[in-house]
Amino acid sequence: MRLYLAEFWNEMYGKEEFIYSTKPNRFFKEQLDKLKPRTILLPAKEEGRNAIYVASKRCEVPAFSIREQAKKKPF
């Protein structure tokens, strides 16, 4: 099962288009705008849309993903 999920997500993220768009998740954005943190950790950042939004707010954003294809996206 685990191997199947890894293959599934690598296939999904291997496509040229972005799966969830390049805009941040609406709920995530609303909450971040209320909190205004200086640093936020984003594990499983996948294609990076939320990490890019955090960085645009001049916030430090350590982020990572285990999905090889997601890390290759040109954001």
Protein backbone atom coordinates (compact mmCIF):
# COMPACT_ATOMS: atom_id res chain seq x y z
CA MET A 1 0.00 0.00 0.00
CA ARG A 2 2.74 2.46 0.91
CA LEU A 3 4.57 1.98 -2.39
CA TYR A 4 1.34 2.45 -4.30
CA LEU A 5 0.68 5.80 -2.57
CA ALA A 6 4.21 7.01 -3.31
CA GLU A 7 3.81 6.09 -6.97
CA PHE A 8 0.38 7.71 -7.08
CA TRP A 9 1.60 11.05 -5.69
CA ASN A 10 4.77 11.07 -7.79
CA GLU A 11 2.61 10.53 -10.87
CA MET A 12 0.24 13.32 -9.83
CA TYR A 13 3.05 15.79 -9.06
CA GLY A 14 4.96 14.71 -12.17
CA LYS A 15 2.44 16.48 -14.40
CA GLU A 16 3.32 19.90 -15.76
CA GLU A 17 0.28 21.64 -14.29
CA PHE A 18 -0.09 22.31 -10.58
CA ILE A 19 -2.54 20.00 -8.83
CA TYR A 20 -3.99 22.54 -6.40
CA SER A 21 -3.11 25.76 -8.29
CA THR A 22 -0.40 28.21 -7.32
CA LYS A 23 -2.59 30.18 -4.91
CA PRO A 24 -2.37 29.42 -1.19
CA ASN A 25 -5.05 27.36 0.49
CA ARG A 26 -7.82 29.81 1.42
CA PHE A 27 -8.18 28.65 5.05
CA PHE A 28 -4.39 28.60 5.51
CA LYS A 29 -4.11 32.15 4.13
CA GLU A 30 -6.91 33.48 6.34
CA GLN A 31 -5.36 32.00 9.47
CA LEU A 32 -1.84 33.13 8.63
CA ASP A 33 -3.05 36.67 7.98
CA LYS A 34 -4.61 36.74 11.48
CA LEU A 35 -1.57 35.34 13.28
CA LYS A 36 1.31 37.09 11.48
CA PRO A 37 4.05 34.71 12.73
CA ARG A 38 7.75 35.36 12.13
CA THR A 39 8.58 31.70 11.45
CA ILE A 40 6.36 28.81 10.40
CA LEU A 41 7.37 25.20 9.66
CA LEU A 42 5.62 23.62 6.67
CA PRO A 43 6.17 19.86 6.57
CA ALA A 44 4.84 18.16 3.44
CA LYS A 45 4.89 21.41 1.48
CA GLU A 46 4.44 19.45 -1.77
CA GLU A 47 4.23 21.92 -4.68
CA GLY A 48 5.02 24.91 -2.46
CA ARG A 49 2.01 27.19 -2.87
CA ASN A 50 1.57 27.80 0.87
CA ALA A 51 5.32 28.12 1.45
CA ILE A 52 5.55 30.78 -1.27
CA TYR A 53 2.70 32.71 0.35
CA VAL A 54 4.39 32.54 3.77
CA ALA A 55 7.66 33.79 2.29
CA SER A 56 5.83 36.65 0.55
CA LYS A 57 4.77 37.84 4.03
CA ARG A 58 8.45 38.20 4.99
CA CYS A 59 8.16 35.20 7.25
CA GLU A 60 10.87 32.56 7.62
CA VAL A 61 9.55 29.28 6.25
CA PRO A 62 11.48 26.05 6.71
CA ALA A 63 9.62 23.61 4.44
CA PHE A 64 10.13 20.14 3.06
CA SER A 65 8.46 17.41 1.05
CA ILE A 66 9.18 13.72 0.56
CA ARG A 67 7.57 13.67 -2.88
CA GLU A 68 10.40 13.77 -5.42
CA GLN A 69 8.23 15.00 -8.29
CA ALA A 70 6.69 17.78 -6.20
CA LYS A 71 10.16 19.14 -5.37
CA LYS A 72 10.92 19.47 -9.08
CA LYS A 73 8.07 21.91 -9.80
CA PRO A 74 9.31 25.27 -11.14
CA PHE A 75 7.49 27.71 -8.92
